[in-house]
């Protein structure tokens, strides 16, 4: 009798479940369960009714009971996994999904396994599952997009491009895939294609700030700063309080500075403190200088930030601040201590390996152009560094066998720099210069493996193994006639010494080199040679070769 009543209640519950009345179905199933507590169909359907109402914690005991009653039921393990997924119990969810998978693989189960593995930081396993899913022939656009995102994150930009293309083949207006395609093309050094892909992304997902952000980034790489700013402004309208919005504010600031708009760019540049990279920056506990006049005798601590080149560029403000009556101290990287010894305007020099010295106020060096009211027409002159006399004489003797002009070369920067691929070149790219009547000296401290054969093949004096520190490099540069360099700290060092510097720049150079100019307001002795086509160093080197032939030893910057 009880079984008949339970069966009747179960059948009636199906009607309500089908109609979407899950509460009524639940009530009938609970009555049926009292009459037949071990009937797996009743237990499973009661679990399903609770799941349909979003009551995952209440559903879990019934899901687990169904698994015990019928361990060969894929649906029971699926329900149990769902309960654990919704409560973020990822290990338990994965275990249930693995049991379900053993009973019959489905794409949905595999996708959910990927989600669990990612949540558990088991990214390699997640990627393997996703790759198998995409290779099976029935993958969804989301599958290809997620795989592309994982490949992009691991620096496999060509593969990310391929999978974003596959996603777009299935869904041409799928905004995340269009966005990934634009980002991948940009990383692959194809900015014009990236710009078109980003435009398509804005059409697919006009309401997503990330698509306009991608368009702005692509336009920056195409040297279209005005167009980039337009896209960044649109992105800012949509971004709201998204935590990732710091990337937008940072890139917008760089675009403003690159366009020469210091009035808006320098205040915007203060957003650099929002970047994750800034979290490791050392700051004293003292008050921060706000740009107001310093009281006579007050001690102002200038704190370095970012790279060595940035410190060398902005240490020039020490003289300006000392002229205001401040006692100026520097707190900088250990590598710069010897180089900056005797720097004009500096009363004391301290390494960041040590605690900050006693002082009244501190200021980040890269905030100095803003706080000092800098315009392109009022940039203070470089620091005017002087190498130690003894070191200078040592390198003069070392180079005595060379004639003139003596030209120092740097062809690659820090391999860990985010833009290294764009701003560094192979040594072989400079080969057209070595036929000229000049003596070339390597200033390349870190030589990459592929460049080592060139050091032996080309007429290039390499003494970098004898350079003990950056102060030695400064003393060596003091005995040269010209430095030809890619965008690295050595270029800043040479220009701060007052030496002629010919700077070799990628198509989309850093903000400090502005746009289109062949000179720099930051360094009067510097001449800029820019790529006409992204990634093409041959044109740059050819223009340098022609300029060397014309210069005849006069390496001063031509009047604009």
Protein backbone atom coordinates (compact mmCIF):
# COMPACT_ATOMS: atom_id res chain seq x y z
CA UNK A 1 0.00 0.00 0.00
CA UNK A 2 2.80 2.45 0.96
CA UNK A 3 4.64 1.71 -2.27
CA UNK A 4 1.52 2.41 -4.34
CA UNK A 5 0.94 5.71 -2.52
CA UNK A 6 4.60 6.65 -2.92
CA UNK A 7 4.44 5.85 -6.64
CA UNK A 8 1.29 7.95 -7.07
CA UNK A 9 2.87 10.91 -5.26
CA UNK A 10 6.03 10.50 -7.36
CA UNK A 11 4.05 10.55 -10.62
CA UNK A 12 2.04 13.57 -9.50
CA UNK A 13 5.30 15.39 -8.64
CA UNK A 14 6.51 14.90 -12.20
CA UNK A 15 3.58 16.97 -13.48
CA UNK A 16 4.43 19.88 -11.21
CA UNK A 17 8.15 19.56 -11.90
CA UNK A 18 7.48 19.72 -15.64
CA UNK A 19 5.31 22.81 -15.10
CA UNK A 20 8.10 24.51 -13.16
CA UNK A 21 6.28 24.41 -9.81
CA UNK A 22 9.26 22.99 -7.92
CA UNK A 23 7.95 23.76 -4.43
CA UNK A 24 4.79 21.72 -5.03
CA UNK A 25 6.88 18.95 -6.56
CA UNK A 26 9.18 19.06 -3.51
CA UNK A 27 6.24 18.72 -1.09
CA UNK A 28 4.89 15.66 -2.92
CA UNK A 29 8.34 14.05 -3.09
CA UNK A 30 8.92 14.54 0.64
CA UNK A 31 5.65 12.71 1.35
CA UNK A 32 6.64 9.98 -1.07
CA UNK A 33 10.05 9.66 0.59
CA UNK A 34 8.44 9.10 4.00
CA UNK A 35 6.59 6.15 2.50
CA UNK A 36 9.56 4.78 0.51
CA UNK A 37 12.84 6.16 1.98
CA UNK A 38 15.19 4.08 -0.18
CA UNK A 39 13.65 4.59 -3.61
CA UNK A 40 16.46 6.21 -5.66
CA UNK A 41 14.11 7.86 -8.16
CA UNK A 42 12.31 9.71 -5.36
CA UNK A 43 15.54 10.75 -3.66
CA UNK A 44 17.07 11.89 -6.95
CA UNK A 45 14.02 13.89 -8.01
CA UNK A 46 13.75 15.55 -4.60
CA UNK A 47 17.40 16.58 -5.00
CA UNK A 48 16.57 17.91 -8.47
CA UNK A 49 13.61 19.94 -7.16
CA UNK A 50 15.80 21.54 -4.51
CA UNK A 51 18.54 22.27 -7.04
CA UNK A 52 15.99 23.92 -9.32
CA UNK A 53 15.16 26.28 -6.43
CA UNK A 54 18.83 27.09 -5.81
CA UNK A 55 18.82 25.34 -2.41
CA UNK A 56 22.13 23.57 -2.94
CA UNK A 57 23.08 22.92 0.68
CA UNK A 58 19.72 21.28 1.35
CA UNK A 59 20.03 19.25 -1.83
CA UNK A 60 23.47 17.82 -1.00
CA UNK A 61 22.38 15.11 1.52
CA UNK A 62 19.86 13.77 -1.00
CA UNK A 63 22.47 13.82 -3.78
CA UNK A 64 24.86 11.86 -1.57
CA UNK A 65 22.09 9.40 -0.62
CA UNK A 66 21.28 8.84 -4.30
CA UNK A 67 24.96 8.10 -4.98
CA UNK A 68 24.97 5.50 -2.19
CA UNK A 69 21.75 3.91 -3.36
CA UNK A 70 22.80 3.76 -7.01
CA UNK A 71 26.54 4.37 -7.45
CA UNK A 72 26.26 3.59 -11.16
CA UNK A 73 23.95 6.55 -11.81
CA UNK A 74 25.61 9.35 -13.77
CA UNK A 75 22.77 11.72 -12.80
CA UNK A 76 23.33 11.18 -9.07
CA UNK A 77 27.02 12.06 -9.29
CA UNK A 78 26.15 14.98 -11.53
CA UNK A 79 23.73 16.31 -8.89
CA UNK A 80 26.30 15.85 -6.12
CA UNK A 81 28.92 17.69 -8.17
CA UNK A 82 26.50 20.53 -8.78
CA UNK A 83 25.89 20.95 -5.04
CA UNK A 84 29.61 21.12 -4.35
CA UNK A 85 30.26 23.49 -7.27
CA UNK A 86 27.66 25.96 -6.10
CA UNK A 87 29.17 25.99 -2.59
CA UNK A 88 32.73 26.28 -4.00
CA UNK A 89 33.84 22.92 -2.60
CA UNK A 90 35.99 22.33 -5.65
CA UNK A 91 37.87 19.16 -4.59
CA UNK A 92 34.59 17.40 -3.72
CA UNK A 93 32.98 18.65 -6.95
CA UNK A 94 35.90 17.37 -9.02
CA UNK A 95 35.70 13.96 -7.31
CA UNK A 96 32.00 13.66 -8.17
CA UNK A 97 32.61 14.79 -11.76
CA UNK A 98 35.38 12.22 -12.12
CA UNK A 99 32.92 9.50 -10.98
CA UNK A 100 30.36 10.77 -13.48
CA UNK A 101 33.01 10.84 -16.21
CA UNK A 102 33.81 7.17 -15.60
CA UNK A 103 30.15 6.34 -16.19
CA UNK A 104 29.91 8.20 -19.49
CA UNK A 105 31.85 11.20 -20.74
CA UNK A 106 29.91 14.30 -21.73
CA UNK A 107 31.25 17.65 -22.86
CA UNK A 108 29.37 19.41 -20.08
CA UNK A 109 31.12 17.30 -17.44
CA UNK A 110 34.50 17.99 -19.02
CA UNK A 111 33.83 21.74 -19.06
CA UNK A 112 32.87 21.66 -15.41
CA UNK A 113 36.02 19.68 -14.61
CA UNK A 114 38.02 22.49 -16.24
CA UNK A 115 36.27 25.02 -13.99
CA UNK A 116 37.10 22.97 -10.88
CA UNK A 117 40.72 22.48 -11.87
CA UNK A 118 41.17 26.19 -12.55
CA UNK A 119 39.59 27.05 -9.21
CA UNK A 120 42.08 24.68 -7.55
CA UNK A 121 45.02 26.32 -9.41
CA UNK A 122 45.70 23.09 -11.32
CA UNK A 123 46.08 25.00 -14.56
CA UNK A 124 48.16 22.47 -16.51
CA UNK A 125 45.56 19.74 -15.94
CA UNK A 126 42.75 22.14 -16.84
CA UNK A 127 44.52 23.06 -20.04
CA UNK A 128 45.00 19.37 -20.99
CA UNK A 129 41.29 18.71 -20.51
CA UNK A 130 40.39 21.80 -22.50
CA UNK A 131 42.77 20.90 -25.34
CA UNK A 132 41.22 17.43 -25.58
CA UNK A 133 37.76 18.99 -25.59
CA UNK A 134 38.68 21.39 -28.38
CA UNK A 135 40.26 18.59 -30.42
CA UNK A 136 37.14 16.40 -30.14
CA UNK A 137 35.33 18.30 -32.90
CA UNK A 138 32.27 19.48 -30.96
CA UNK A 139 33.75 22.32 -28.92
CA UNK A 140 31.85 25.55 -28.33
CA UNK A 141 33.19 29.06 -29.01
CA UNK A 142 33.65 29.48 -25.25
CA UNK A 143 35.94 26.43 -25.18
CA UNK A 144 38.27 27.84 -27.83
CA UNK A 145 38.16 31.25 -26.15
CA UNK A 146 39.09 29.86 -22.73
CA UNK A 147 41.95 27.86 -24.23
CA UNK A 148 43.14 30.96 -26.09
CA UNK A 149 43.07 32.95 -22.85
CA UNK A 150 45.18 30.32 -21.07
CA UNK A 151 47.67 30.23 -23.93
CA UNK A 152 47.87 34.03 -23.99
CA UNK A 153 48.53 34.07 -20.25
CA UNK A 154 51.44 31.67 -20.79
CA UNK A 155 52.94 33.79 -23.57
CA UNK A 156 51.83 31.49 -26.42
CA UNK A 157 50.41 34.32 -28.46
CA UNK A 158 50.39 32.57 -31.84
CA UNK A 159 48.37 29.66 -30.42
CA UNK A 160 46.05 32.08 -28.66
CA UNK A 161 45.45 33.80 -31.99
CA UNK A 162 44.67 30.47 -33.67
CA UNK A 163 42.09 29.47 -31.08
CA UNK A 164 40.46 32.89 -30.97
CA UNK A 165 40.12 32.60 -34.75
CA UNK A 166 38.46 29.18 -34.34
CA UNK A 167 36.02 30.67 -31.83
CA UNK A 168 35.16 33.46 -34.27
CA UNK A 169 34.60 30.94 -37.07
CA UNK A 170 31.83 29.43 -34.93
CA UNK A 171 30.52 32.76 -33.62
CA UNK A 172 31.71 35.75 -35.71
CA UNK A 173 30.32 38.31 -33.25
CA UNK A 174 31.65 36.67 -30.08
CA UNK A 175 33.15 39.74 -28.35
CA UNK A 176 35.57 37.94 -25.95
CA UNK A 177 37.15 36.06 -28.87
CA UNK A 178 37.38 39.23 -30.96
CA UNK A 179 39.06 40.95 -28.01
CA UNK A 180 41.51 38.07 -27.53
CA UNK A 181 42.35 38.15 -31.23
CA UNK A 182 43.22 41.85 -31.00
CA UNK A 183 45.39 41.33 -27.91
CA UNK A 184 47.22 38.38 -29.48
CA UNK A 185 47.92 40.26 -32.71
CA UNK A 186 49.33 43.17 -30.71
CA UNK A 187 51.65 40.85 -28.79
CA UNK A 188 52.78 39.31 -32.08
CA UNK A 189 53.89 42.73 -33.35
CA UNK A 190 51.06 43.15 -35.87
CA UNK A 191 49.51 46.43 -34.68
CA UNK A 192 47.63 47.34 -37.87
CA UNK A 193 45.82 43.98 -37.82
CA UNK A 194 45.29 44.33 -34.08
CA UNK A 195 43.63 47.70 -34.65
CA UNK A 196 41.17 46.18 -37.14
CA UNK A 197 40.48 43.27 -34.79
CA UNK A 198 39.87 45.67 -31.91
CA UNK A 199 37.48 47.72 -34.05
CA UNK A 200 35.54 44.51 -34.71
CA UNK A 201 35.57 43.81 -30.97
CA UNK A 202 34.03 47.22 -30.26
CA UNK A 203 31.25 46.45 -32.73
CA UNK A 204 30.61 43.07 -31.11
CA UNK A 205 30.84 44.30 -27.54
CA UNK A 206 30.36 48.05 -27.61
CA UNK A 207 29.33 48.02 -23.96
CA UNK A 208 32.52 46.37 -22.71
CA UNK A 209 35.24 48.83 -21.70
CA UNK A 210 37.88 46.20 -22.44
CA UNK A 211 37.16 46.32 -26.18
CA UNK A 212 37.76 50.08 -26.29
CA UNK A 213 40.83 49.62 -24.14
CA UNK A 214 42.19 47.12 -26.68
CA UNK A 215 41.46 49.56 -29.50
CA UNK A 216 43.34 52.29 -27.65
CA UNK A 217 46.33 50.02 -27.11
CA UNK A 218 46.41 49.05 -30.79
CA UNK A 219 46.23 52.69 -31.85
CA UNK A 220 49.12 53.53 -29.53
CA UNK A 221 51.24 50.88 -31.27
CA UNK A 222 50.20 52.38 -34.61
CA UNK A 223 51.48 55.77 -33.36
CA UNK A 224 47.95 57.18 -33.35
CA UNK A 225 47.99 58.80 -29.90
CA UNK A 226 44.96 60.99 -30.62
CA UNK A 227 42.90 58.00 -31.72
CA UNK A 228 44.16 56.05 -28.70
CA UNK A 229 43.02 58.78 -26.33
CA UNK A 230 39.59 58.83 -27.97
CA UNK A 231 39.26 55.06 -27.39
CA UNK A 232 40.56 55.31 -23.82
CA UNK A 233 38.04 58.06 -23.03
CA UNK A 234 35.21 55.81 -24.28
CA UNK A 235 36.57 52.96 -22.18
CA UNK A 236 36.67 55.23 -19.13
CA UNK A 237 32.96 56.04 -19.57
CA UNK A 238 32.16 52.32 -19.38
CA UNK A 239 34.73 51.17 -16.84
CA UNK A 240 33.08 52.40 -13.65
CA UNK A 241 34.77 50.99 -10.55
CA UNK A 242 36.11 47.83 -12.19
CA UNK A 243 39.23 46.85 -10.16
CA UNK A 244 41.10 46.21 -13.42
CA UNK A 245 40.50 49.80 -14.50
CA UNK A 246 43.98 50.83 -13.29
CA UNK A 247 45.32 49.40 -16.58
CA UNK A 248 43.13 51.82 -18.51
CA UNK A 249 44.14 54.80 -16.39
CA UNK A 250 47.82 53.89 -16.75
CA UNK A 251 47.73 53.50 -20.54
CA UNK A 252 45.69 56.66 -20.93
CA UNK A 253 48.30 58.56 -18.91
CA UNK A 254 51.09 57.20 -21.12
CA UNK A 255 49.21 58.21 -24.27
CA UNK A 256 48.72 61.75 -22.94
CA UNK A 257 52.42 62.03 -22.13
CA UNK A 258 53.45 60.58 -25.48
CA UNK A 259 51.34 63.20 -27.24
CA UNK A 260 53.20 65.91 -25.29
CA UNK A 261 50.18 66.87 -23.17
CA UNK A 262 52.06 67.17 -19.88
CA UNK A 263 49.34 69.35 -18.36
CA UNK A 264 46.93 66.39 -18.33
CA UNK A 265 49.44 63.57 -18.60
CA UNK A 266 51.55 64.27 -15.51
CA UNK A 267 48.58 64.32 -13.06
CA UNK A 268 47.22 61.17 -14.74
CA UNK A 269 50.65 59.53 -14.42
CA UNK A 270 50.21 59.47 -10.64
CA UNK A 271 47.92 56.45 -11.13
CA UNK A 272 51.08 54.35 -11.43
CA UNK A 273 50.78 53.77 -7.67
CA UNK A 274 47.63 51.72 -8.35
CA UNK A 275 49.55 49.17 -10.42
CA UNK A 276 50.35 45.79 -8.80
CA UNK A 277 54.04 46.35 -9.57
CA UNK A 278 54.00 49.32 -7.20
CA UNK A 279 53.11 47.14 -4.20
CA UNK A 280 56.76 46.18 -3.66
CA UNK A 281 57.99 49.79 -3.77
CA UNK A 282 59.71 51.02 -0.60
CA UNK A 283 58.33 54.29 0.79
CA UNK A 284 59.37 56.08 3.98
CA UNK A 285 56.82 56.78 6.70
CA UNK A 286 57.45 60.54 6.46
CA UNK A 287 54.98 63.02 4.91
CA UNK A 288 55.05 63.24 1.15
CA UNK A 289 56.08 66.54 -0.38
CA UNK A 290 53.14 68.15 -2.18
CA UNK A 291 55.01 70.69 -4.31
CA UNK A 292 54.68 73.66 -1.97
CA UNK A 293 57.79 75.68 -1.25
CA UNK A 294 60.18 73.85 1.03
CA UNK A 295 61.20 75.71 4.18
CA UNK A 296 64.86 76.69 4.17
CA UNK A 297 66.98 73.89 5.53
CA UNK A 298 64.25 71.24 5.33
CA UNK A 299 65.55 67.84 4.19
CA UNK A 300 63.80 66.40 1.14
CA UNK A 301 64.37 62.72 0.32
CA UNK A 302 64.09 61.85 -3.39
CA UNK A 303 63.04 58.20 -3.68
CA UNK A 304 63.79 56.26 -6.86
CA UNK A 305 61.11 54.15 -8.51
CA UNK A 306 60.86 51.87 -11.55
CA UNK A 307 64.11 51.41 -13.56
CA UNK A 308 67.65 52.76 -13.39
CA UNK A 309 67.01 54.87 -16.49
CA UNK A 310 64.06 56.57 -14.79
CA UNK A 311 66.24 57.56 -11.84
CA UNK A 312 68.94 58.90 -14.14
CA UNK A 313 66.35 60.89 -16.07
CA UNK A 314 64.66 62.52 -13.06
CA UNK A 315 67.60 63.06 -10.71
CA UNK A 316 68.07 66.36 -12.58
CA UNK A 317 65.43 67.87 -10.30
CA UNK A 318 67.85 67.72 -7.34
CA UNK A 319 69.49 70.94 -8.54
CA UNK A 320 66.10 72.63 -8.95
CA UNK A 321 65.01 71.64 -5.44
CA UNK A 322 68.31 72.61 -3.88
CA UNK A 323 67.84 76.03 -5.50
CA UNK A 324 64.53 76.31 -3.60
CA UNK A 325 66.46 75.96 -0.34
CA UNK A 326 65.92 72.25 0.31
CA UNK A 327 68.63 69.94 1.55
CA UNK A 328 68.31 67.13 -0.99
CA UNK A 329 69.06 63.47 -0.26
CA UNK A 330 68.75 60.54 -2.68
CA UNK A 331 67.54 57.05 -1.74
CA UNK A 332 68.27 54.90 -4.79
CA UNK A 333 69.25 51.46 -6.08
CA UNK A 334 72.70 50.23 -5.02
CA UNK A 335 73.86 50.12 -8.65
CA UNK A 336 73.54 53.93 -8.87
CA UNK A 337 75.44 54.94 -5.74
CA UNK A 338 78.86 55.33 -7.41
CA UNK A 339 77.39 56.83 -10.60
CA UNK A 340 75.50 59.56 -8.74
CA UNK A 341 78.37 60.46 -6.41
CA UNK A 342 78.95 64.19 -6.74
CA UNK A 343 75.61 64.74 -8.50
CA UNK A 344 74.87 68.51 -8.49
CA UNK A 345 72.40 69.61 -5.83
CA UNK A 346 72.66 66.40 -3.79
CA UNK A 347 73.76 66.66 -0.15
CA UNK A 348 73.66 62.93 0.57
CA UNK A 349 73.35 59.62 -1.26
CA UNK A 350 71.89 56.46 0.29
CA UNK A 351 71.28 52.92 -0.95
CA UNK A 352 67.92 51.21 -0.78
CA UNK A 353 69.76 48.27 0.71
CA UNK A 354 69.76 50.37 3.87
CA UNK A 355 67.07 52.13 5.86
CA UNK A 356 66.03 55.57 4.68
CA UNK A 357 68.11 58.38 6.23
CA UNK A 358 66.63 61.00 8.54
CA UNK A 359 64.60 63.57 6.60
CA UNK A 360 61.55 65.83 6.81
CA UNK A 361 59.68 65.06 3.60
CA UNK A 362 59.95 62.50 0.81
CA UNK A 363 58.92 62.52 -2.83
CA UNK A 364 58.82 59.85 -5.56
CA UNK A 365 61.25 60.89 -8.29
CA UNK A 366 58.76 60.34 -11.10
CA UNK A 367 56.34 62.79 -9.47
CA UNK A 368 58.91 65.61 -9.67
CA UNK A 369 57.98 66.84 -13.18
CA UNK A 370 54.40 67.32 -11.97
CA UNK A 371 55.27 68.91 -8.63
CA UNK A 372 57.82 71.23 -10.25
CA UNK A 373 55.36 72.40 -12.92
CA UNK A 374 57.34 71.06 -15.87
CA UNK A 375 56.31 71.84 -19.44
CA UNK A 376 58.08 70.72 -22.62
CA UNK A 377 59.64 74.18 -22.76
CA UNK A 378 60.84 74.17 -19.14
CA UNK A 379 62.48 70.76 -18.73
CA UNK A 380 65.55 71.20 -16.50
CA UNK A 381 68.88 70.19 -18.04
CA UNK A 382 70.25 66.68 -17.36
CA UNK A 383 72.06 66.06 -14.09
CA UNK A 384 75.51 66.66 -15.57
CA UNK A 385 77.16 63.62 -14.05
CA UNK A 386 80.95 63.40 -13.82
CA UNK A 387 82.74 60.02 -13.78
CA UNK A 388 85.47 59.45 -11.22
CA UNK A 389 88.77 60.81 -12.58
CA UNK A 390 90.78 57.69 -11.78
CA UNK A 391 88.36 55.42 -13.57
CA UNK A 392 88.19 57.79 -16.51
CA UNK A 393 91.97 57.73 -16.90
CA UNK A 394 92.01 53.94 -16.64
CA UNK A 395 89.60 53.60 -19.57
CA UNK A 396 91.38 56.29 -21.55
CA UNK A 397 94.55 54.18 -21.35
CA UNK A 398 92.61 51.05 -22.22
CA UNK A 399 91.22 52.66 -25.39
CA UNK A 400 94.48 54.33 -26.40
CA UNK A 401 95.04 51.90 -29.27
CA UNK A 402 91.79 53.05 -30.90
CA UNK A 403 91.42 55.93 -33.29
CA UNK A 404 88.47 58.29 -33.66
CA UNK A 405 85.56 58.35 -33.78
CA UNK A 406 85.06 55.90 -30.95
CA UNK A 407 81.47 54.73 -30.91
CA UNK A 408 79.84 52.76 -28.10
CA UNK A 409 77.06 50.31 -28.99
CA UNK A 410 74.13 48.87 -27.02
CA UNK A 411 71.70 46.71 -28.99
CA UNK A 412 69.53 45.05 -26.36
CA UNK A 413 68.08 45.94 -22.99
CA UNK A 414 66.77 44.08 -20.00
CA UNK A 415 65.29 40.79 -21.29
CA UNK A 416 62.77 40.94 -18.44
CA UNK A 417 61.38 44.29 -19.56
CA UNK A 418 57.74 44.06 -20.62
CA UNK A 419 58.53 45.65 -24.01
CA UNK A 420 61.90 43.94 -24.62
CA UNK A 421 60.72 42.23 -27.80
CA UNK A 422 59.99 45.60 -29.41
CA UNK A 423 62.89 47.69 -28.14
CA UNK A 424 65.84 45.22 -28.43
CA UNK A 425 67.51 44.07 -31.63
CA UNK A 426 70.03 41.34 -32.50
CA UNK A 427 73.66 42.40 -32.85
CA UNK A 428 73.59 41.28 -36.48
CA UNK A 429 71.14 44.11 -37.26
CA UNK A 430 74.03 46.58 -36.71
CA UNK A 431 76.30 44.82 -39.23
CA UNK A 432 75.95 47.59 -41.89
CA UNK A 433 77.77 49.98 -39.53
CA UNK A 434 80.90 47.91 -39.20
CA UNK A 435 82.16 48.78 -42.68
CA UNK A 436 82.48 52.46 -41.75
CA UNK A 437 85.71 54.17 -40.70
CA UNK A 438 85.14 54.16 -36.94
CA UNK A 439 86.13 52.11 -33.93
CA UNK A 440 83.22 50.42 -32.21
CA UNK A 441 83.14 49.51 -28.52
CA UNK A 442 80.55 47.21 -26.95
CA UNK A 443 78.74 48.62 -23.93
CA UNK A 444 76.45 45.59 -23.88
CA UNK A 445 76.86 44.16 -20.38
CA UNK A 446 74.42 41.25 -20.80
CA UNK A 447 75.08 39.56 -24.15
CA UNK A 448 72.44 37.11 -25.32
CA UNK A 449 73.52 33.69 -26.50
CA UNK A 450 72.56 34.31 -30.13
CA UNK A 451 74.73 37.46 -30.18
CA UNK A 452 77.96 35.90 -28.88
CA UNK A 453 79.23 34.70 -32.29
CA UNK A 454 78.83 38.25 -33.61
CA UNK A 455 81.21 39.61 -30.98
CA UNK A 456 83.96 37.52 -32.58
CA UNK A 457 82.88 38.05 -36.18
CA UNK A 458 82.50 41.85 -36.18
CA UNK A 459 85.22 44.50 -35.55
CA UNK A 460 83.88 45.31 -32.10
CA UNK A 461 86.00 45.84 -28.99
CA UNK A 462 84.33 44.06 -26.09
CA UNK A 463 85.61 45.00 -22.65
CA UNK A 464 82.36 44.52 -20.75
CA UNK A 465 83.83 41.68 -18.69
CA UNK A 466 86.05 44.34 -17.11
CA UNK A 467 83.16 46.64 -16.25
CA UNK A 468 82.70 46.18 -12.53
CA UNK A 469 79.68 48.44 -12.17
CA UNK A 470 77.71 51.24 -13.80
CA UNK A 471 80.32 53.76 -12.67
CA UNK A 472 82.87 51.90 -14.80
CA UNK A 473 80.45 52.11 -17.73
CA UNK A 474 80.18 55.88 -17.17
CA UNK A 475 83.97 56.25 -17.16
CA UNK A 476 84.25 54.21 -20.37
CA UNK A 477 81.53 56.30 -22.05
CA UNK A 478 83.40 59.49 -21.06
CA UNK A 479 86.21 58.36 -23.41
CA UNK A 480 83.91 57.80 -26.41
CA UNK A 481 82.78 60.22 -29.07
CA UNK A 482 79.28 58.84 -29.53
CA UNK A 483 76.94 56.24 -28.05
CA UNK A 484 74.45 54.45 -30.28
CA UNK A 485 71.92 52.62 -28.16
CA UNK A 486 68.46 51.13 -27.99
CA UNK A 487 66.20 52.43 -25.22
CA UNK A 488 68.07 51.34 -22.06
CA UNK A 489 69.57 52.87 -18.92
CA UNK A 490 72.94 53.21 -20.71
CA UNK A 491 71.37 55.74 -23.08
CA UNK A 492 70.17 57.81 -20.10
CA UNK A 493 73.58 57.49 -18.48
CA UNK A 494 75.46 58.63 -21.58
CA UNK A 495 73.13 61.59 -22.15
CA UNK A 496 73.40 62.56 -18.46
CA UNK A 497 77.17 62.65 -18.97
CA UNK A 498 76.60 65.09 -21.83
CA UNK A 499 77.77 62.64 -24.50
CA UNK A 500 76.12 62.59 -27.94
CA UNK A 501 73.63 59.73 -27.99
CA UNK A 502 71.84 58.33 -31.02
CA UNK A 503 68.83 56.50 -29.68
CA UNK A 504 67.28 53.67 -31.73
CA UNK A 505 63.55 53.46 -31.05
CA UNK A 506 60.78 51.01 -31.94
CA UNK A 507 57.81 52.19 -33.96
CA UNK A 508 55.80 52.88 -30.80
CA UNK A 509 58.38 54.29 -28.40
CA UNK A 510 57.99 55.05 -24.69
CA UNK A 511 56.12 58.20 -23.66
CA UNK A 512 59.26 60.19 -22.81
CA UNK A 513 60.41 60.20 -26.44
CA UNK A 514 57.12 61.80 -27.57
CA UNK A 515 55.98 61.37 -31.18
CA UNK A 516 57.74 61.94 -34.50
CA UNK A 517 60.47 64.15 -33.05
CA UNK A 518 64.13 63.45 -33.81
CA UNK A 519 65.30 65.34 -30.73
CA UNK A 520 64.40 65.14 -27.04
CA UNK A 521 63.54 67.97 -24.63
CA UNK A 522 64.94 65.75 -21.86
CA UNK A 523 68.41 65.38 -23.39
CA UNK A 524 69.86 68.10 -25.65
CA UNK A 525 72.69 65.78 -26.77
CA UNK A 526 70.34 63.05 -27.93
CA UNK A 527 69.18 62.33 -31.48
CA UNK A 528 66.28 59.91 -32.10
CA UNK A 529 66.04 57.36 -34.91
CA UNK A 530 62.60 55.73 -35.07
CA UNK A 531 61.30 52.66 -36.86
CA UNK A 532 59.09 53.55 -39.82
CA UNK A 533 57.56 50.08 -39.81
CA UNK A 534 56.94 48.06 -36.62
CA UNK A 535 59.72 45.57 -36.04
CA UNK A 536 61.93 46.83 -38.90
CA UNK A 537 65.37 47.76 -37.59
CA UNK A 538 67.00 47.64 -41.01
CA UNK A 539 65.62 51.04 -41.99
CA UNK A 540 66.74 52.55 -38.70
CA UNK A 541 70.29 51.19 -39.06
CA UNK A 542 70.52 52.39 -42.64
CA UNK A 543 69.60 55.94 -41.58
CA UNK A 544 72.20 55.75 -38.81
CA UNK A 545 74.81 54.55 -41.32
CA UNK A 546 74.04 57.45 -43.64
CA UNK A 547 74.10 59.93 -40.74
CA UNK A 548 77.52 58.64 -39.64
CA UNK A 549 78.89 59.12 -43.12
CA UNK A 550 77.60 62.69 -43.21
CA UNK A 551 78.58 63.58 -39.62
CA UNK A 552 82.38 63.27 -40.11
CA UNK A 553 82.85 63.28 -36.34
CA UNK A 554 80.30 66.02 -35.56
CA UNK A 555 77.57 64.16 -33.67
CA UNK A 556 75.64 67.15 -32.35
CA UNK A 557 71.87 67.20 -32.75
CA UNK A 558 70.76 69.05 -35.91
CA UNK A 559 68.57 72.10 -35.31
CA UNK A 560 64.87 71.37 -35.67
